C-alpha atoms as a PDB file:
ATOM      1  CA  MET A   1      21.045  -5.462 -20.647  1.00  0.00           C
ATOM      2  CA  ARG A   2      22.601  -6.790 -17.265  1.00  0.00           C
ATOM      3  CA  TYR A   3      24.996  -9.441 -17.664  1.00  0.00           C
ATOM      4  CA  PRO A   4      25.275 -12.387 -15.237  1.00  0.00           C
ATOM      5  CA  GLN A   5      27.818 -13.719 -13.507  1.00  0.00           C
ATOM      6  CA  ALA A   6      28.709 -16.569 -15.283  1.00  0.00           C
ATOM      7  CA  PHE A   7      29.098 -14.240 -18.270  1.00  0.00           C
ATOM      8  CA  LEU A   8      31.659 -12.085 -16.654  1.00  0.00           C
ATOM      9  CA  THR A   9      33.576 -15.587 -14.980  1.00  0.00           C
ATOM     10  CA  LEU A  10      33.585 -16.419 -18.649  1.00  0.00           C
ATOM     11  CA  GLN A  11      36.017 -14.011 -19.965  1.00  0.00           C
ATOM     12  CA  LEU A  12      37.676 -13.948 -16.483  1.00  0.00           C
ATOM     13  CA  THR A  13      38.707 -17.695 -17.021  1.00  0.00           C
ATOM     14  CA  PHE A  14      39.455 -16.911 -20.643  1.00  0.00           C
ATOM     15  CA  ALA A  15      41.721 -13.812 -19.130  1.00  0.00           C
ATOM     16  CA  GLN A  16      43.670 -16.343 -17.190  1.00  0.00           C
ATOM     17  CA  LYS A  17      44.401 -18.917 -19.949  1.00  0.00           C
ATOM     18  CA  MET A  18      45.587 -15.734 -21.759  1.00  0.00           C
ATOM     19  CA  ALA A  19      47.851 -14.665 -18.902  1.00  0.00           C
ATOM     20  CA  GLN A  20      49.467 -18.112 -18.413  1.00  0.00           C
ATOM     21  CA  LEU A  21      50.693 -18.144 -22.118  1.00  0.00           C
ATOM     22  CA  ALA A  22      51.914 -14.661 -22.333  1.00  0.00           C
ATOM     23  CA  ARG A  23      53.360 -14.782 -18.978  1.00  0.00           C
ATOM     24  CA  GLN A  24      52.144 -11.526 -18.244  1.00  0.00           C
ATOM     25  CA  PRO A  25      50.059 -10.635 -15.143  1.00  0.00           C
ATOM     26  CA  TYR A  26      46.837 -11.494 -14.414  1.00  0.00           C
ATOM     27  CA  GLN A  27      45.341  -7.953 -13.762  1.00  0.00           C
ATOM     28  CA  ASP A  28      47.003  -6.908 -17.071  1.00  0.00           C
ATOM     29  CA  SER A  29      45.414  -9.602 -19.110  1.00  0.00           C
ATOM     30  CA  VAL A  30      41.987  -8.866 -17.542  1.00  0.00           C
ATOM     31  CA  ARG A  31      42.183  -5.603 -19.021  1.00  0.00           C
ATOM     32  CA  VAL A  32      43.097  -6.198 -22.737  1.00  0.00           C
ATOM     33  CA  HIS A  33      41.417  -9.848 -22.944  1.00  0.00           C
ATOM     34  CA  THR A  34      38.084  -8.923 -21.706  1.00  0.00           C
ATOM     35  CA  ALA A  35      35.437  -6.367 -22.242  1.00  0.00           C
ATOM     36  CA  LEU A  36      35.367  -5.825 -18.496  1.00  0.00           C
ATOM     37  CA  TYR A  37      36.718  -2.397 -18.562  1.00  0.00           C
ATOM     38  CA  ARG A  38      34.074  -1.708 -21.278  1.00  0.00           C
ATOM     39  CA  ILE A  39      31.488  -3.217 -19.702  1.00  0.00           C
ATOM     40  CA  PHE A  40      31.939  -1.401 -16.815  1.00  0.00           C
ATOM     41  CA  GLY A  41      31.120   1.701 -18.568  1.00  0.00           C
ATOM     42  CA  LEU A  42      35.055   3.096 -19.276  1.00  0.00           C
ATOM     43  CA  ASP A  43      36.099   4.616 -22.277  1.00  0.00           C
ATOM     44  CA  TRP A  44      38.012   2.555 -25.063  1.00  0.00           C
ATOM     45  CA  ASP A  45      41.853   3.903 -24.199  1.00  0.00           C
ATOM     46  CA  LEU A  46      41.834   1.332 -21.806  1.00  0.00           C
ATOM     47  CA  ASN A  47      43.890   3.611 -19.080  1.00  0.00           C
ATOM     48  CA  PRO A  48      44.726   1.332 -16.469  1.00  0.00           C
ATOM     49  CA  ALA A  49      45.194   4.510 -13.916  1.00  0.00           C
ATOM     50  CA  HIS A  50      41.363   5.220 -14.410  1.00  0.00           C
ATOM     51  CA  PRO A  51      39.753   5.386 -10.780  1.00  0.00           C
ATOM     52  CA  VAL A  52      37.401   2.971 -11.525  1.00  0.00           C
ATOM     53  CA  TRP A  53      39.534   0.435 -12.814  1.00  0.00           C
ATOM     54  CA  GLN A  54      42.081   0.972 -10.043  1.00  0.00           C
ATOM     55  CA  GLU A  55      39.269   0.584  -7.271  1.00  0.00           C
ATOM     56  CA  TYR A  56      38.014  -2.875  -9.285  1.00  0.00           C
ATOM     57  CA  LEU A  57      41.849  -4.244  -9.192  1.00  0.00           C
ATOM     58  CA  GLN A  58      42.166  -3.396  -5.357  1.00  0.00           C
ATOM     59  CA  GLY A  59      40.117  -6.996  -5.001  1.00  0.00           C
ATOM     60  CA  LEU A  60      41.408  -8.222  -7.437  1.00  0.00           C
ATOM     61  CA  PRO A  61      44.141 -11.104  -6.570  1.00  0.00           C
ATOM     62  CA  LEU A  62      47.244 -10.746  -8.063  1.00  0.00           C
ATOM     63  CA  LEU A  63      47.226 -14.594  -8.487  1.00  0.00           C
ATOM     64  CA  TYR A  64      44.098 -16.288 -10.047  1.00  0.00           C
ATOM     65  CA  GLN A  65      41.995 -17.529  -7.429  1.00  0.00           C
ATOM     66  CA  ALA A  66      38.542 -18.539  -9.582  1.00  0.00           C
ATOM     67  CA  GLN A  67      35.703 -17.850  -6.873  1.00  0.00           C
ATOM     68  CA  ARG A  68      37.182 -15.260  -5.504  1.00  0.00           C
ATOM     69  CA  VAL A  69      37.531 -13.315  -9.003  1.00  0.00           C
ATOM     70  CA  SER A  70      34.309 -14.552 -10.202  1.00  0.00           C
ATOM     71  CA  ASP A  71      32.325 -13.128  -6.811  1.00  0.00           C
ATOM     72  CA  TRP A  72      34.189 -10.019  -6.463  1.00  0.00           C
ATOM     73  CA  THR A  73      33.856  -9.161 -10.480  1.00  0.00           C
ATOM     74  CA  TYR A  74      30.571  -9.180 -10.062  1.00  0.00           C
ATOM     75  CA  ASN A  75      30.032  -7.764  -6.879  1.00  0.00           C
ATOM     76  CA  PHE A  76      31.418  -4.789  -8.162  1.00  0.00           C
ATOM     77  CA  TYR A  77      29.822  -4.776 -11.259  1.00  0.00           C
ATOM     78  CA  GLN A  78      26.215  -4.838  -9.574  1.00  0.00           C
ATOM     79  CA  THR A  79      27.543  -2.301  -7.068  1.00  0.00           C
ATOM     80  CA  HIS A  80      28.360   0.551 -10.348  1.00  0.00           C
ATOM     81  CA  ILE A  81      25.405  -0.938 -12.723  1.00  0.00           C
ATOM     82  CA  GLN A  82      23.551   1.878 -11.773  1.00  0.00           C
ATOM     83  CA  ALA A  83      26.617   4.464 -12.726  1.00  0.00           C
ATOM     84  CA  ILE A  84      26.972   2.948 -16.278  1.00  0.00           C
ATOM     85  CA  PRO A  85      24.989   3.903 -18.797  1.00  0.00           C
ATOM     86  CA  GLU A  86      22.239   1.538 -20.190  1.00  0.00           C
ATOM     87  CA  TYR A  87      22.691   2.657 -23.856  1.00  0.00           C
ATOM     88  CA  PRO A  88      24.171   5.644 -25.056  1.00  0.00           C
ATOM     89  CA  LEU A  89      22.679   6.152 -28.528  1.00  0.00           C
ATOM     90  CA  PRO A  90      19.501   6.765 -29.978  1.00  0.00           C
ATOM     91  CA  THR A  91      17.229   3.675 -30.753  1.00  0.00           C
ATOM     92  CA  TRP A  92      15.141   2.585 -33.613  1.00  0.00           C
ATOM     93  CA  GLY A  93      13.452  -0.966 -31.412  1.00  0.00           C
ATOM     94  CA  CYS A  94      17.038  -2.763 -31.558  1.00  0.00           C
ATOM     95  CA  PHE A  95      18.776  -0.703 -33.832  1.00  0.00           C
ATOM     96  CA  SER A  96      20.923   2.210 -33.650  1.00  0.00           C
ATOM     97  CA  TYR A  97      23.853   3.691 -34.935  1.00  0.00           C
ATOM     98  CA  ASP A  98      26.617   6.281 -35.837  1.00  0.00           C
ATOM     99  CA  TYR A  99      27.185   8.275 -39.202  1.00  0.00           C
ATOM    100  CA  THR A 100      31.134   9.416 -40.046  1.00  0.00           C
ATOM    101  CA  GLU A 101      30.393  12.539 -42.267  1.00  0.00           C
ATOM    102  CA  GLU A 102      34.599  11.727 -43.502  1.00  0.00           C
ATOM    103  CA  THR A 103      33.230   8.863 -45.457  1.00  0.00           C
ATOM    104  CA  GLN A 104      29.368   9.280 -45.110  1.00  0.00           C
ATOM    105  CA  THR A 105      29.400   6.309 -43.775  1.00  0.00           C
ATOM    106  CA  VAL A 106      26.511   4.732 -41.541  1.00  0.00           C
ATOM    107  CA  HIS A 107      27.805   2.535 -39.287  1.00  0.00           C
ATOM    108  CA  LEU A 108      24.654  -0.581 -37.768  1.00  0.00           C
ATOM    109  CA  HIS A 109      24.570  -1.688 -33.937  1.00  0.00           C
ATOM    110  CA  PHE A 110      22.023  -3.936 -32.486  1.00  0.00           C
ATOM    111  CA  ALA A 111      20.716  -4.587 -28.918  1.00  0.00           C
ATOM    112  CA  ASN A 112      18.039  -6.728 -27.988  1.00  0.00           C
ATOM    113  CA  LEU A 113      16.051  -3.985 -26.363  1.00  0.00           C
ATOM    114  CA  ASP A 114      13.018  -6.440 -27.397  1.00  0.00           C
ATOM    115  CA  TYR A 115      11.078  -7.064 -24.393  1.00  0.00           C
ATOM    116  CA  SER A 116       8.056  -9.037 -25.964  1.00  0.00           C
ATOM    117  CA  GLY A 117       9.045 -12.269 -24.004  1.00  0.00           C
ATOM    118  CA  TYR A 118      10.310 -13.716 -27.781  1.00  0.00           C
ATOM    119  CA  GLY A 119      14.368 -13.665 -28.884  1.00  0.00           C
ATOM    120  CA  PRO A 120      14.234  -9.919 -30.842  1.00  0.00           C
ATOM    121  CA  LEU A 121      15.396 -12.401 -34.086  1.00  0.00           C
ATOM    122  CA  SER A 122      12.766 -14.936 -33.741  1.00  0.00           C
ATOM    123  CA  GLN A 123      10.017 -15.339 -36.181  1.00  0.00           C
ATOM    124  CA  GLN A 124       7.984 -13.608 -34.111  1.00  0.00           C
ATOM    125  CA  ARG A 125       9.248 -10.625 -34.095  1.00  0.00           C
ATOM    126  CA  LEU A 126      10.484 -10.362 -37.855  1.00  0.00           C
ATOM    127  CA  GLU A 127       8.089  -7.615 -38.622  1.00  0.00           C
ATOM    128  CA  ALA A 128       8.921  -5.747 -35.921  1.00  0.00           C
ATOM    129  CA  ARG A 129      12.564  -5.852 -36.622  1.00  0.00           C
ATOM    130  CA  ARG A 130      12.069  -4.531 -39.884  1.00  0.00           C
ATOM    131  CA  ALA A 131       9.533  -1.640 -39.084  1.00  0.00           C
ATOM    132  CA  ASP A 132      12.633  -0.649 -36.461  1.00  0.00           C
ATOM    133  CA  LEU A 133      14.858  -0.680 -39.807  1.00  0.00           C
ATOM    134  CA  TRP A 134      12.554   0.626 -41.968  1.00  0.00           C
ATOM    135  CA  SER A 135      12.131   4.275 -39.142  1.00  0.00           C
ATOM    136  CA  LEU A 136      16.246   3.851 -38.232  1.00  0.00           C
ATOM    137  CA  PHE A 137      16.781   4.480 -42.745  1.00  0.00           C
ATOM    138  CA  MET A 138      13.864   6.999 -42.793  1.00  0.00           C
ATOM    139  CA  HIS A 139      15.562   8.920 -40.108  1.00  0.00           C
ATOM    140  CA  ILE A 140      18.982   8.466 -41.887  1.00  0.00           C
ATOM    141  CA  LYS A 141      17.101   9.706 -45.419  1.00  0.00           C
ATOM    142  CA  ARG A 142      15.967  13.042 -44.239  1.00  0.00           C
ATOM    143  CA  PHE A 143      18.965  13.705 -41.501  1.00  0.00           C
ATOM    144  CA  HIS A 144      22.011  12.118 -43.687  1.00  0.00           C
ATOM    145  CA  PRO A 145      21.050  12.596 -47.196  1.00  0.00           C
ATOM    146  CA  GLN A 146      24.757  12.291 -48.707  1.00  0.00           C
ATOM    147  CA  ALA A 147      25.289   8.978 -46.757  1.00  0.00           C
ATOM    148  CA  VAL A 148      26.863   6.836 -49.614  1.00  0.00           C
ATOM    149  CA  SER A 149      27.294   3.118 -47.540  1.00  0.00           C
ATOM    150  CA  VAL A 150      26.154   1.325 -44.636  1.00  0.00           C
ATOM    151  CA  GLN A 151      28.404  -0.953 -42.281  1.00  0.00           C
ATOM    152  CA  GLY A 152      28.696  -3.434 -39.265  1.00  0.00           C
ATOM    153  CA  SER A 153      30.714  -5.408 -37.192  1.00  0.00           C
ATOM    154  CA  SER A 154      28.997  -8.572 -35.073  1.00  0.00           C
ATOM    155  CA  TRP A 155      29.262 -11.892 -34.510  1.00  0.00           C
ATOM    156  CA  LEU A 156      25.777 -11.534 -35.353  1.00  0.00           C
ATOM    157  CA  TYR A 157      26.359 -11.594 -39.351  1.00  0.00           C
ATOM    158  CA  ASN A 158      27.196 -15.773 -39.199  1.00  0.00           C
ATOM    159  CA  ARG A 159      23.519 -15.846 -38.327  1.00  0.00           C
ATOM    160  CA  THR A 160      20.804 -15.967 -40.632  1.00  0.00           C
ATOM    161  CA  ALA A 161      18.137 -14.857 -38.792  1.00  0.00           C
ATOM    162  CA  TYR A 162      19.965 -11.675 -38.571  1.00  0.00           C
ATOM    163  CA  THR A 163      20.747 -11.386 -42.369  1.00  0.00           C
ATOM    164  CA  ARG A 164      17.498 -11.762 -43.348  1.00  0.00           C
ATOM    165  CA  LEU A 165      16.262  -8.547 -42.153  1.00  0.00           C
ATOM    166  CA  PHE A 166      18.800  -7.039 -44.577  1.00  0.00           C
ATOM    167  CA  PRO A 167      19.527  -7.068 -48.360  1.00  0.00           C
ATOM    168  CA  PRO A 168      20.785  -9.771 -49.515  1.00  0.00           C
ATOM    169  CA  VAL A 169      24.108  -7.779 -50.751  1.00  0.00           C
ATOM    170  CA  TYR A 170      24.811  -6.562 -47.288  1.00  0.00           C
ATOM    171  CA  GLY A 171      24.550 -10.397 -45.940  1.00  0.00           C
ATOM    172  CA  GLN A 172      26.362 -11.548 -48.295  1.00  0.00           C
ATOM    173  CA  SER A 173      29.687  -9.484 -47.834  1.00  0.00           C
ATOM    174  CA  ALA A 174      30.102 -10.261 -44.247  1.00  0.00           C
ATOM    175  CA  ARG A 175      33.621 -11.019 -43.906  1.00  0.00           C
ATOM    176  CA  PRO A 176      35.731 -12.035 -40.884  1.00  0.00           C
ATOM    177  CA  GLY A 177      37.150  -8.779 -39.028  1.00  0.00           C
ATOM    178  CA  GLN A 178      39.659  -7.512 -36.327  1.00  0.00           C
ATOM    179  CA  GLN A 179      38.803  -9.860 -33.459  1.00  0.00           C
ATOM    180  CA  GLY A 180      38.887  -7.659 -30.637  1.00  0.00           C
ATOM    181  CA  LEU A 181      38.405  -8.753 -27.460  1.00  0.00           C
ATOM    182  CA  ILE A 182      37.355  -5.433 -25.387  1.00  0.00           C
ATOM    183  CA  GLY A 183      34.567  -4.870 -27.350  1.00  0.00           C
ATOM    184  CA  ARG A 184      31.344  -6.458 -26.613  1.00  0.00           C
ATOM    185  CA  GLY A 185      30.835  -7.456 -30.205  1.00  0.00           C
ATOM    186  CA  LEU A 186      32.639 -10.998 -29.926  1.00  0.00           C
ATOM    187  CA  TRP A 187      31.711 -12.017 -26.655  1.00  0.00           C
ATOM    188  CA  GLY A 188      27.742 -11.247 -26.936  1.00  0.00           C
ATOM    189  CA  GLN A 189      27.676 -14.818 -28.739  1.00  0.00           C
ATOM    190  CA  PHE A 190      27.756 -16.121 -25.183  1.00  0.00           C
ATOM    191  CA  LEU A 191      24.184 -14.583 -24.207  1.00  0.00           C
ATOM    192  CA  ARG A 192      20.733 -15.477 -24.525  1.00  0.00           C
ATOM    193  CA  HIS A 193      18.183 -13.409 -25.421  1.00  0.00           C
ATOM    194  CA  ASP A 194      16.609 -13.721 -21.599  1.00  0.00           C
ATOM    195  CA  GLU A 195      20.046 -12.677 -20.874  1.00  0.00           C
ATOM    196  CA  ARG A 196      21.561 -16.240 -19.467  1.00  0.00           C
ATOM    197  CA  LEU A 197      24.349 -17.920 -20.440  1.00  0.00           C
ATOM    198  CA  ASN A 198      24.240 -19.760 -23.392  1.00  0.00           C
ATOM    199  CA  ASP A 199      25.588 -22.818 -21.803  1.00  0.00           C
ATOM    200  CA  VAL A 200      26.196 -25.011 -24.644  1.00  0.00           C
ATOM    201  CA  LEU A 201      28.450 -22.142 -26.480  1.00  0.00           C
ATOM    202  CA  ALA A 202      30.669 -21.480 -23.352  1.00  0.00           C
ATOM    203  CA  ALA A 203      31.062 -25.431 -22.964  1.00  0.00           C
ATOM    204  CA  GLN A 204      32.369 -25.621 -26.273  1.00  0.00           C
ATOM    205  CA  PHE A 205      34.616 -22.113 -25.869  1.00  0.00           C
ATOM    206  CA  LEU A 206      36.467 -23.272 -22.446  1.00  0.00           C
ATOM    207  CA  GLN A 207      36.930 -26.781 -23.963  1.00  0.00           C
ATOM    208  CA  GLN A 208      38.563 -24.681 -26.370  1.00  0.00           C
ATOM    209  CA  VAL A 209      40.299 -22.695 -23.838  1.00  0.00           C
ATOM    210  CA  SER A 210      41.565 -25.298 -21.749  1.00  0.00           C
ATOM    211  CA  GLN A 211      43.692 -27.041 -24.967  1.00  0.00           C
ATOM    212  CA  LEU A 212      44.946 -23.581 -26.084  1.00  0.00           C
ATOM    213  CA  GLN A 213      48.411 -23.473 -26.324  1.00  0.00           C
ATOM    214  CA  ASP A 214      49.369 -20.583 -28.231  1.00  0.00           C
ATOM    215  CA  ALA A 215      48.243 -17.042 -27.364  1.00  0.00           C
ATOM    216  CA  GLU A 216      48.261 -15.607 -30.818  1.00  0.00           C
ATOM    217  CA  GLN A 217      45.607 -18.527 -31.560  1.00  0.00           C
ATOM    218  CA  TYR A 218      42.793 -17.472 -29.403  1.00  0.00           C
ATOM    219  CA  ILE A 219      40.369 -16.395 -32.228  1.00  0.00           C
ATOM    220  CA  GLN A 220      39.902 -20.307 -32.470  1.00  0.00           C
ATOM    221  CA  CYS A 221      38.180 -20.649 -29.189  1.00  0.00           C
ATOM    222  CA  PHE A 222      35.224 -18.898 -30.213  1.00  0.00           C
ATOM    223  CA  PRO A 223      32.368 -20.152 -31.961  1.00  0.00           C
ATOM    224  CA  TYR A 224      31.576 -17.448 -34.208  1.00  0.00           C
ATOM    225  CA  LEU A 225      33.923 -14.843 -35.667  1.00  0.00           C
ATOM    226  CA  LEU A 226      32.845 -11.179 -35.671  1.00  0.00           C
ATOM    227  CA  MET A 227      32.224 -10.346 -39.028  1.00  0.00           C
ATOM    228  CA  THR A 228      32.418  -7.004 -40.953  1.00  0.00           C
ATOM    229  CA  THR A 229      29.539  -5.777 -43.669  1.00  0.00           C
ATOM    230  CA  GLN A 230      29.610  -3.073 -46.135  1.00  0.00           C
ATOM    231  CA  ALA A 231      27.138  -2.245 -48.667  1.00  0.00           C
ATOM    232  CA  PRO A 232      25.733   1.048 -50.801  1.00  0.00           C
ATOM    233  CA  ILE A 233      22.796   2.842 -48.910  1.00  0.00           C
ATOM    234  CA  ASP A 234      21.049   2.952 -52.178  1.00  0.00           C
ATOM    235  CA  VAL A 235      20.201  -1.044 -51.467  1.00  0.00           C
ATOM    236  CA  PHE A 236      18.601  -0.137 -48.320  1.00  0.00           C
ATOM    237  CA  TYR A 237      16.252   2.244 -49.180  1.00  0.00           C
ATOM    238  CA  THR A 238      15.574  -0.125 -52.350  1.00  0.00           C
ATOM    239  CA  PHE A 239      14.704  -3.206 -49.694  1.00  0.00           C
ATOM    240  CA  TYR A 240      12.935  -1.050 -47.054  1.00  0.00           C
ATOM    241  CA  GLY A 241      10.614   0.361 -49.477  1.00  0.00           C
ATOM    242  CA  ILE A 242      12.001   4.594 -48.930  1.00  0.00           C
ATOM    243  CA  LYS A 243      11.636   6.723 -52.229  1.00  0.00           C
ATOM    244  CA  GLY A 244      12.322  10.192 -52.563  1.00  0.00           C
END
């Protein structure tokens, strides 16, 4: 996915508000209150001394100037986009996973890798997504037979179009998780399947941001919360008809 400028600008506007409320430098707010550090392909450590981040900061004004900040950020992103991994994990259609041996847990990931022209979670692509998951869990059954549970973390668990792909008990387990800003799991709600900004949700968000009085209450600005889920892996094998 290639992010539109409006998506980056949305986060920059939020960072400006958070900088004001938290009384911190704008450049620091951009690093810890947006997903830009990760969008630029950098690690989770948020190291402010990283050469790529330092290069970005050289063109970022110390004081917020909306259009200049937006243009510089998008141009920087466009310039460095070829060096950013498109998707780092093996995929089964729109899905991938991490496996943690210590806890014997599968962590599911979703990305819009459907190029049919329909939304990846649309009714037209329902069977394709279920086929993705059947293939993924066949792979897990073969290569991680000791796995005991499956976890997820995304705003998408607020949507029936997503949870219907999984065993009911998994979707029903959804609970608000840690509402982190540096990952893309929370910000993804503002993107349409065609890679454009969701103008309706963005307008709702910006309205709430403009009225925000307490930085610690920032999550109230987001239309959807990031939800976490968990269920035994056996219910997935049963749901997808995987035996043996």
